[in-house]
Protein backbone atom coordinates (compact mmCIF):
# COMPACT_ATOMS: atom_id res chain seq x y z
CA MET A 1 -1.57 4.35 5.05
CA ASN A 2 -0.09 7.20 3.05
CA SER A 3 2.95 9.30 3.98
CA GLY A 4 0.86 12.08 5.53
CA GLU A 5 -1.04 9.66 7.77
CA LEU A 6 2.21 7.97 8.76
CA LEU A 7 3.78 11.29 9.68
CA ARG A 8 0.74 12.44 11.67
CA THR A 9 0.30 9.21 13.63
CA THR A 10 4.01 9.04 14.42
CA ARG A 11 4.11 12.70 15.48
CA GLU A 12 1.04 12.27 17.69
CA ARG A 13 2.43 9.06 19.20
CA HIS A 14 5.50 11.06 20.23
CA GLY A 15 3.33 13.84 21.65
CA LEU A 16 4.77 16.48 19.32
CA SER A 17 3.06 19.45 17.75
CA GLN A 18 3.69 20.29 14.12
CA SER A 19 5.79 23.24 15.32
CA ALA A 20 7.94 21.06 17.57
CA LEU A 21 8.56 18.56 14.78
CA ALA A 22 9.36 21.37 12.36
CA ARG A 23 11.98 22.78 14.77
CA ARG A 24 13.57 19.35 15.20
CA ALA A 25 13.64 18.71 11.45
CA SER A 26 14.69 22.24 10.37
CA THR A 27 11.55 22.89 8.36
CA THR A 28 8.32 24.84 8.83
CA PRO A 29 5.08 23.86 10.55
CA ARG A 30 3.31 24.80 7.31
CA GLN A 31 5.35 22.17 5.44
CA ILE A 32 4.53 19.52 8.05
CA GLY A 33 0.83 20.39 7.83
CA ARG A 34 0.79 20.23 4.05
CA ILE A 35 2.34 16.76 4.12
CA GLU A 36 -0.07 15.53 6.81
CA ARG A 37 -3.09 16.85 4.89
CA GLY A 38 -1.90 15.17 1.70
CA GLU A 39 -1.50 18.47 -0.15
CA ILE A 40 2.06 17.49 -1.06
CA SER A 41 3.79 14.15 -1.21
CA PRO A 42 7.24 14.18 0.38
CA SER A 43 10.18 12.40 -1.15
CA VAL A 44 11.35 9.26 0.60
CA MET A 45 14.39 11.19 1.82
CA THR A 46 12.22 13.95 3.33
CA LEU A 47 9.93 11.47 5.06
CA GLU A 48 12.95 9.59 6.38
CA ARG A 49 14.43 12.85 7.75
CA LEU A 50 11.15 13.78 9.47
CA LEU A 51 10.81 10.35 11.05
CA ARG A 52 14.46 10.38 12.12
CA ALA A 53 13.81 13.70 13.90
CA MET A 54 11.39 11.73 16.10
CA GLY A 55 13.80 8.86 16.71
CA GLU A 56 12.13 6.59 14.15
CA ARG A 57 13.45 5.03 10.98
CA LEU A 58 11.68 4.44 7.70
CA GLU A 59 11.58 0.86 6.48
CA LEU A 60 10.47 0.20 2.94
CA GLY A 61 9.59 -3.16 1.47
CA ALA A 62 7.80 -4.79 -1.39
CA ALA A 63 4.94 -7.28 -1.27
CA GLY A 64 3.19 -9.24 -3.93
CA ALA A 65 0.13 -7.63 -5.42
CA GLU A 66 -3.26 -9.28 -5.14
CA GLY A 67 -3.84 -11.69 -7.96
CA GLY A 68 -0.16 -12.46 -8.26
CA ASN A 69 1.91 -11.98 -11.35
CA LEU A 70 1.69 -14.22 -14.39
CA SER A 71 4.81 -15.37 -16.19
CA ASP A 72 5.32 -14.53 -19.85
CA ALA A 73 4.46 -18.12 -20.75
CA GLU A 74 1.20 -17.97 -18.76
CA LEU A 75 0.25 -14.68 -20.41
CA ARG A 76 0.96 -16.09 -23.89
CA ALA A 77 -1.13 -19.19 -23.09
CA ALA A 78 -4.03 -17.04 -21.85
CA LEU A 79 -3.90 -14.88 -24.97
CA ALA A 80 -3.94 -17.98 -27.17
CA LEU A 81 -7.32 -19.10 -25.77
CA THR A 82 -10.42 -18.59 -27.86
CA ARG A 83 -13.39 -16.69 -26.44
CA VAL A 84 -15.24 -19.96 -25.87
CA GLU A 85 -12.26 -21.45 -24.01
CA ARG A 86 -12.00 -18.35 -21.81
CA VAL A 87 -15.70 -18.60 -20.91
CA GLN A 88 -15.33 -22.32 -20.18
CA GLU A 89 -12.38 -21.62 -17.87
CA ALA A 90 -14.35 -18.88 -16.12
CA PHE A 91 -17.28 -21.26 -15.54
CA ALA A 92 -14.93 -23.95 -14.20
CA LEU A 93 -13.34 -21.46 -11.82
CA SER A 94 -16.76 -20.23 -10.72
CA ARG A 95 -17.90 -23.79 -9.95
CA THR A 96 -14.73 -24.45 -7.96
CA LEU A 97 -15.07 -21.24 -5.95
CA THR A 98 -18.76 -21.89 -5.31
CA HIS A 99 -17.91 -25.38 -4.07
CA LEU A 100 -15.15 -24.08 -1.77
CA ALA A 101 -17.41 -21.35 -0.40
CA ALA A 102 -20.15 -23.89 0.32
CA ARG A 103 -17.67 -26.15 2.14
CA ALA A 104 -16.34 -23.22 4.18
CA GLY A 105 -19.88 -22.17 5.09
CA ALA A 106 -20.73 -25.69 6.28
CA ARG A 107 -18.02 -25.59 8.96
């Protein structure tokens, strides 16, 4: 969900029009609309202020990305592999994943 979608869903959940939110947050309905349509990306402070005007608070967090993050040592080891070794590792991983998928499908 992007900031515009978050703002719109929160505003609608509170039963507010863009004009009503704009009055509460000391901004313009046009500005609210532009954020909701994704025409502009508000700063974190602006989004926090708009949400606060509806009695909500913005909570930010961080989560690991898909695929994880390799350490420097793991990256150096991967770069040290030859092309043949990389292909062999890919085949071994493919066999393992195929085996796991077959076991999961059998349940």
